[in-house]
Every structure is written in C-alpha cells, then in structure tokens.
N, C-alpha and C. Protein backbone atom coordinates (compact mmCIF):
# COMPACT_ATOMS: atom_id res chain seq x y z
N MET A 1 15.67 21.73 -4.00
CA MET A 1 15.15 20.59 -3.27
C MET A 1 15.05 19.40 -4.22
N GLU A 2 15.46 18.27 -3.75
CA GLU A 2 15.47 17.05 -4.54
C GLU A 2 14.08 16.39 -4.54
N ALA A 3 13.63 15.92 -5.69
CA ALA A 3 12.33 15.27 -5.79
C ALA A 3 12.40 13.86 -5.20
N THR A 4 11.37 13.49 -4.47
CA THR A 4 11.28 12.13 -3.94
C THR A 4 9.87 11.61 -4.20
N ALA A 5 9.76 10.31 -4.20
CA ALA A 5 8.46 9.67 -4.41
C ALA A 5 8.27 8.61 -3.35
N ASN A 6 7.02 8.34 -3.03
CA ASN A 6 6.73 7.24 -2.12
C ASN A 6 6.84 5.95 -2.92
N PRO A 7 7.64 5.01 -2.45
CA PRO A 7 7.79 3.75 -3.19
C PRO A 7 6.52 2.91 -3.13
N ARG A 8 6.26 2.23 -4.22
CA ARG A 8 5.16 1.25 -4.26
C ARG A 8 5.71 -0.06 -3.72
N ILE A 9 4.98 -0.66 -2.79
CA ILE A 9 5.44 -1.91 -2.21
C ILE A 9 4.31 -2.92 -2.11
N THR A 10 4.70 -4.15 -1.87
CA THR A 10 3.78 -5.22 -1.50
C THR A 10 4.16 -5.67 -0.09
N CYS A 11 3.48 -6.65 0.42
CA CYS A 11 3.74 -7.16 1.76
C CYS A 11 5.21 -7.57 1.95
N ALA A 12 5.81 -8.13 0.93
CA ALA A 12 7.18 -8.63 1.03
C ALA A 12 8.20 -7.53 1.32
N TYR A 13 7.88 -6.28 1.02
CA TYR A 13 8.82 -5.17 1.19
C TYR A 13 8.61 -4.38 2.48
N LEU A 14 7.64 -4.74 3.29
CA LEU A 14 7.33 -3.96 4.50
C LEU A 14 8.55 -3.77 5.40
N ASN A 15 9.31 -4.84 5.64
CA ASN A 15 10.48 -4.76 6.54
C ASN A 15 11.46 -3.67 6.13
N SER A 16 11.57 -3.42 4.85
CA SER A 16 12.56 -2.45 4.34
C SER A 16 12.11 -1.00 4.47
N TYR A 17 10.85 -0.78 4.84
CA TYR A 17 10.32 0.58 4.83
C TYR A 17 9.69 1.01 6.15
N VAL A 18 10.09 0.40 7.25
CA VAL A 18 9.56 0.79 8.56
C VAL A 18 9.88 2.26 8.81
N GLY A 19 8.86 3.01 9.20
CA GLY A 19 9.03 4.44 9.47
C GLY A 19 8.95 5.32 8.25
N LYS A 20 8.72 4.74 7.07
CA LYS A 20 8.68 5.52 5.83
C LYS A 20 7.29 5.46 5.21
N ASN A 21 6.99 6.45 4.39
CA ASN A 21 5.72 6.47 3.66
C ASN A 21 5.84 5.62 2.41
N VAL A 22 4.77 4.88 2.12
CA VAL A 22 4.74 3.97 0.97
C VAL A 22 3.37 4.03 0.31
N ILE A 23 3.29 3.42 -0.88
CA ILE A 23 2.02 3.24 -1.58
C ILE A 23 1.80 1.74 -1.72
N VAL A 24 0.59 1.30 -1.36
CA VAL A 24 0.22 -0.11 -1.46
C VAL A 24 -1.08 -0.21 -2.25
N VAL A 25 -1.10 -1.12 -3.23
CA VAL A 25 -2.34 -1.44 -3.94
C VAL A 25 -2.67 -2.89 -3.62
N GLY A 26 -3.90 -3.13 -3.18
CA GLY A 26 -4.30 -4.49 -2.84
C GLY A 26 -5.80 -4.61 -2.76
N LYS A 27 -6.24 -5.77 -2.35
CA LYS A 27 -7.67 -6.07 -2.24
C LYS A 27 -8.08 -6.04 -0.78
N VAL A 28 -9.19 -5.37 -0.49
CA VAL A 28 -9.71 -5.32 0.88
C VAL A 28 -10.35 -6.67 1.19
N LEU A 29 -9.74 -7.40 2.11
CA LEU A 29 -10.27 -8.70 2.50
C LEU A 29 -11.30 -8.58 3.62
N GLN A 30 -11.05 -7.64 4.54
CA GLN A 30 -11.90 -7.55 5.72
C GLN A 30 -11.83 -6.15 6.30
N LEU A 31 -12.95 -5.66 6.78
CA LEU A 31 -13.00 -4.38 7.49
C LEU A 31 -13.39 -4.67 8.93
N ARG A 32 -12.61 -4.10 9.88
CA ARG A 32 -12.87 -4.30 11.31
C ARG A 32 -12.76 -2.94 12.00
N GLY A 33 -13.86 -2.22 12.07
CA GLY A 33 -13.84 -0.89 12.69
C GLY A 33 -12.92 0.03 11.91
N GLU A 34 -11.86 0.50 12.57
CA GLU A 34 -10.93 1.42 11.92
C GLU A 34 -9.71 0.70 11.37
N GLU A 35 -9.82 -0.60 11.15
CA GLU A 35 -8.75 -1.39 10.54
C GLU A 35 -9.28 -2.12 9.32
N ALA A 36 -8.38 -2.36 8.39
CA ALA A 36 -8.71 -3.15 7.21
C ALA A 36 -7.59 -4.17 7.00
N LEU A 37 -7.95 -5.35 6.56
CA LEU A 37 -6.98 -6.37 6.17
C LEU A 37 -6.90 -6.32 4.65
N ILE A 38 -5.70 -6.02 4.15
CA ILE A 38 -5.47 -5.82 2.71
C ILE A 38 -4.57 -6.94 2.19
N ASP A 39 -4.96 -7.54 1.06
CA ASP A 39 -4.10 -8.53 0.40
C ASP A 39 -3.29 -7.81 -0.67
N ALA A 40 -2.01 -7.63 -0.39
CA ALA A 40 -1.08 -7.01 -1.34
C ALA A 40 0.07 -7.99 -1.51
N ASP A 41 -0.22 -9.11 -2.17
CA ASP A 41 0.74 -10.20 -2.32
C ASP A 41 1.18 -10.70 -0.94
N GLY A 42 0.23 -10.73 -0.02
CA GLY A 42 0.40 -11.07 1.38
C GLY A 42 -0.48 -10.12 2.18
N ASN A 43 -0.85 -10.49 3.38
CA ASN A 43 -1.79 -9.69 4.16
C ASN A 43 -1.10 -8.57 4.93
N ILE A 44 -1.72 -7.39 4.86
CA ILE A 44 -1.25 -6.19 5.56
C ILE A 44 -2.43 -5.62 6.34
N THR A 45 -2.19 -5.25 7.59
CA THR A 45 -3.20 -4.55 8.37
C THR A 45 -3.00 -3.06 8.18
N ALA A 46 -4.09 -2.38 7.82
CA ALA A 46 -4.05 -0.93 7.63
C ALA A 46 -4.92 -0.27 8.69
N HIS A 47 -4.36 0.71 9.39
CA HIS A 47 -5.09 1.50 10.37
C HIS A 47 -5.66 2.70 9.62
N LEU A 48 -6.96 2.69 9.44
CA LEU A 48 -7.62 3.67 8.58
C LEU A 48 -7.85 5.00 9.28
N ASN A 49 -7.94 6.06 8.50
CA ASN A 49 -8.34 7.36 9.03
C ASN A 49 -9.84 7.54 8.79
N ARG A 50 -10.38 8.63 9.29
CA ARG A 50 -11.84 8.85 9.20
C ARG A 50 -12.32 9.08 7.77
N GLU A 51 -11.42 9.47 6.89
CA GLU A 51 -11.82 9.73 5.50
C GLU A 51 -11.88 8.47 4.65
N ALA A 52 -11.43 7.36 5.17
CA ALA A 52 -11.41 6.11 4.40
C ALA A 52 -12.82 5.55 4.25
N HIS A 53 -13.21 5.31 3.01
CA HIS A 53 -14.51 4.71 2.71
C HIS A 53 -14.26 3.52 1.79
N LEU A 54 -13.95 2.39 2.38
CA LEU A 54 -13.59 1.20 1.63
C LEU A 54 -14.70 0.16 1.70
N ALA A 55 -14.68 -0.77 0.77
CA ALA A 55 -15.64 -1.86 0.76
C ALA A 55 -14.89 -3.17 0.61
N ALA A 56 -15.29 -4.16 1.39
CA ALA A 56 -14.67 -5.49 1.30
C ALA A 56 -14.84 -6.03 -0.10
N GLY A 57 -13.77 -6.60 -0.65
CA GLY A 57 -13.79 -7.16 -2.00
C GLY A 57 -13.30 -6.20 -3.06
N ASN A 58 -13.25 -4.92 -2.73
CA ASN A 58 -12.78 -3.92 -3.69
C ASN A 58 -11.27 -3.74 -3.59
N GLY A 59 -10.71 -3.18 -4.63
CA GLY A 59 -9.31 -2.81 -4.60
C GLY A 59 -9.14 -1.49 -3.87
N VAL A 60 -7.94 -1.26 -3.36
CA VAL A 60 -7.66 -0.02 -2.65
C VAL A 60 -6.22 0.39 -2.91
N GLN A 61 -6.01 1.70 -2.98
CA GLN A 61 -4.66 2.24 -2.97
C GLN A 61 -4.51 3.01 -1.67
N ILE A 62 -3.50 2.66 -0.89
CA ILE A 62 -3.25 3.31 0.38
C ILE A 62 -1.89 3.98 0.34
N ILE A 63 -1.85 5.22 0.78
CA ILE A 63 -0.59 5.90 1.04
C ILE A 63 -0.51 6.00 2.55
N GLY A 64 0.57 5.47 3.10
CA GLY A 64 0.67 5.46 4.55
C GLY A 64 2.07 5.19 5.03
N LYS A 65 2.23 5.24 6.35
CA LYS A 65 3.52 5.05 7.00
C LYS A 65 3.57 3.64 7.58
N VAL A 66 4.69 2.94 7.33
CA VAL A 66 4.86 1.57 7.83
C VAL A 66 5.26 1.64 9.30
N ASN A 67 4.47 0.99 10.15
CA ASN A 67 4.72 0.93 11.59
C ASN A 67 5.72 -0.18 11.91
N PRO A 68 6.35 -0.13 13.10
CA PRO A 68 7.30 -1.17 13.50
C PRO A 68 6.69 -2.59 13.51
N ASP A 69 5.38 -2.69 13.73
CA ASP A 69 4.73 -4.01 13.72
C ASP A 69 4.33 -4.45 12.31
N LEU A 70 4.79 -3.70 11.29
CA LEU A 70 4.56 -3.96 9.86
C LEU A 70 3.12 -3.74 9.43
N SER A 71 2.35 -3.02 10.23
CA SER A 71 1.05 -2.54 9.79
C SER A 71 1.30 -1.18 9.13
N ILE A 72 0.25 -0.60 8.55
CA ILE A 72 0.38 0.69 7.88
C ILE A 72 -0.62 1.67 8.48
N LYS A 73 -0.13 2.85 8.86
CA LYS A 73 -1.00 3.93 9.30
C LYS A 73 -1.42 4.70 8.05
N CYS A 74 -2.68 4.62 7.72
CA CYS A 74 -3.20 5.20 6.49
C CYS A 74 -3.23 6.72 6.56
N LEU A 75 -2.58 7.37 5.60
CA LEU A 75 -2.63 8.82 5.47
C LEU A 75 -3.71 9.21 4.46
N SER A 76 -3.84 8.41 3.40
CA SER A 76 -4.93 8.60 2.44
C SER A 76 -5.22 7.26 1.78
N SER A 77 -6.45 7.13 1.31
CA SER A 77 -6.85 5.89 0.65
C SER A 77 -7.81 6.20 -0.49
N MET A 78 -7.82 5.32 -1.47
CA MET A 78 -8.72 5.46 -2.61
C MET A 78 -9.31 4.09 -2.94
N ASP A 79 -10.63 4.00 -2.92
CA ASP A 79 -11.31 2.78 -3.32
C ASP A 79 -11.20 2.65 -4.83
N LEU A 80 -10.67 1.52 -5.31
CA LEU A 80 -10.45 1.32 -6.75
C LEU A 80 -11.52 0.47 -7.41
N GLY A 81 -12.52 0.04 -6.65
CA GLY A 81 -13.59 -0.77 -7.22
C GLY A 81 -13.16 -2.21 -7.41
N THR A 82 -13.86 -2.90 -8.31
CA THR A 82 -13.64 -4.34 -8.49
C THR A 82 -12.78 -4.70 -9.69
N GLY A 83 -12.49 -3.78 -10.57
CA GLY A 83 -11.78 -4.10 -11.81
C GLY A 83 -10.28 -3.90 -11.73
N VAL A 84 -9.66 -4.29 -10.63
CA VAL A 84 -8.22 -4.06 -10.45
C VAL A 84 -7.42 -5.25 -10.94
N ASP A 85 -6.39 -4.99 -11.70
CA ASP A 85 -5.46 -6.03 -12.15
C ASP A 85 -4.31 -6.11 -11.14
N TYR A 86 -4.44 -7.00 -10.17
CA TYR A 86 -3.45 -7.10 -9.09
C TYR A 86 -2.11 -7.62 -9.60
N ASN A 87 -2.13 -8.44 -10.62
CA ASN A 87 -0.86 -8.91 -11.21
C ASN A 87 -0.09 -7.74 -11.79
N LEU A 88 -0.79 -6.83 -12.45
CA LEU A 88 -0.14 -5.64 -13.00
C LEU A 88 0.41 -4.76 -11.88
N ALA A 89 -0.37 -4.56 -10.83
CA ALA A 89 0.08 -3.74 -9.70
C ALA A 89 1.35 -4.34 -9.08
N ASN A 90 1.38 -5.66 -8.92
CA ASN A 90 2.56 -6.32 -8.35
C ASN A 90 3.76 -6.23 -9.29
N THR A 91 3.52 -6.29 -10.59
CA THR A 91 4.60 -6.16 -11.57
C THR A 91 5.21 -4.77 -11.51
N VAL A 92 4.37 -3.75 -11.37
CA VAL A 92 4.88 -2.37 -11.24
C VAL A 92 5.78 -2.26 -10.02
N VAL A 93 5.38 -2.88 -8.91
CA VAL A 93 6.22 -2.86 -7.70
C VAL A 93 7.57 -3.51 -7.99
N GLU A 94 7.56 -4.68 -8.59
CA GLU A 94 8.81 -5.39 -8.86
C GLU A 94 9.73 -4.60 -9.79
N ILE A 95 9.16 -4.03 -10.84
CA ILE A 95 9.96 -3.25 -11.79
C ILE A 95 10.54 -2.01 -11.12
N SER A 96 9.74 -1.36 -10.28
CA SER A 96 10.24 -0.15 -9.62
C SER A 96 11.38 -0.46 -8.65
N HIS A 97 11.40 -1.66 -8.09
CA HIS A 97 12.49 -2.04 -7.19
C HIS A 97 13.71 -2.57 -7.95
N GLN A 98 13.49 -3.15 -9.12
CA GLN A 98 14.60 -3.63 -9.93
C GLN A 98 15.33 -2.48 -10.63
N HIS A 99 14.61 -1.41 -10.90
CA HIS A 99 15.16 -0.27 -11.64
C HIS A 99 15.00 1.01 -10.82
N ARG A 100 15.54 1.00 -9.63
CA ARG A 100 15.39 2.10 -8.68
C ARG A 100 15.88 3.44 -9.25
N SER A 101 16.86 3.41 -10.12
CA SER A 101 17.42 4.66 -10.66
C SER A 101 16.40 5.42 -11.51
N LEU A 102 15.36 4.76 -11.97
CA LEU A 102 14.33 5.41 -12.77
C LEU A 102 13.29 6.12 -11.91
N PHE A 103 13.33 5.86 -10.59
CA PHE A 103 12.34 6.41 -9.67
C PHE A 103 13.05 7.28 -8.64
N ALA A 104 12.40 8.33 -8.19
CA ALA A 104 12.99 9.27 -7.24
C ALA A 104 12.67 8.86 -5.81
N TYR A 105 13.36 7.84 -5.31
CA TYR A 105 13.17 7.39 -3.94
C TYR A 105 14.22 8.01 -3.05
N ASP A 106 13.88 8.11 -1.75
CA ASP A 106 14.86 8.59 -0.76
C ASP A 106 16.04 7.66 -0.69
C-alpha cells in the first residue's frame, strides 16, 4: 500500500481539494453554534463535530474534508492556543506545494 498524507492548505487552495481531506492551520475568528470562521490566509467556514472545543482568538488545526461550497467538514480539530506563528504555518503550506515530490500526496 502506498503512503499518502493529507495536504496542508490555506484558503487559496480550497478549490483544488474539493472532496478531499486536508489540514488547515488558522485563527478562530468566530464561533457560531456548530460552525467556526477560521482565518487561514483567507476566511474558511468549518462545520465542527461534537468533539471540537475551540476558543475565539486561538489557533486551530483542523483535519477535514473540503465541501463543494469550499467549507470544511471537520473530522478532527486541535486548539493550538494563542502562541501560533501563522506566517510559519503559511510558509509550510507554500513549501509543501512547491516541492510536492517531498510529500506523499494522492
């Protein structure tokens, strides 16, 4: 079996991953019931599961599936607190897309 990894993306890459699982790191801007608005170099709506315990203003890592409307159905989430370097997270995304051969993507 061939190894695969979920690609790290920002808002700009959503169109390329509809129907696929991805990893997003961003800042929680707003919580609205079972939805969260995440800033990941652009705003993304995440449909949270019951296990999600996020706080507005904190960083979050979401693993989820990109919906046709470019929202994300959250499969798992991790609150990263307030000390997140978003520039570093965005740089990792850019490098992983520039050097795809180094990563095991589908």
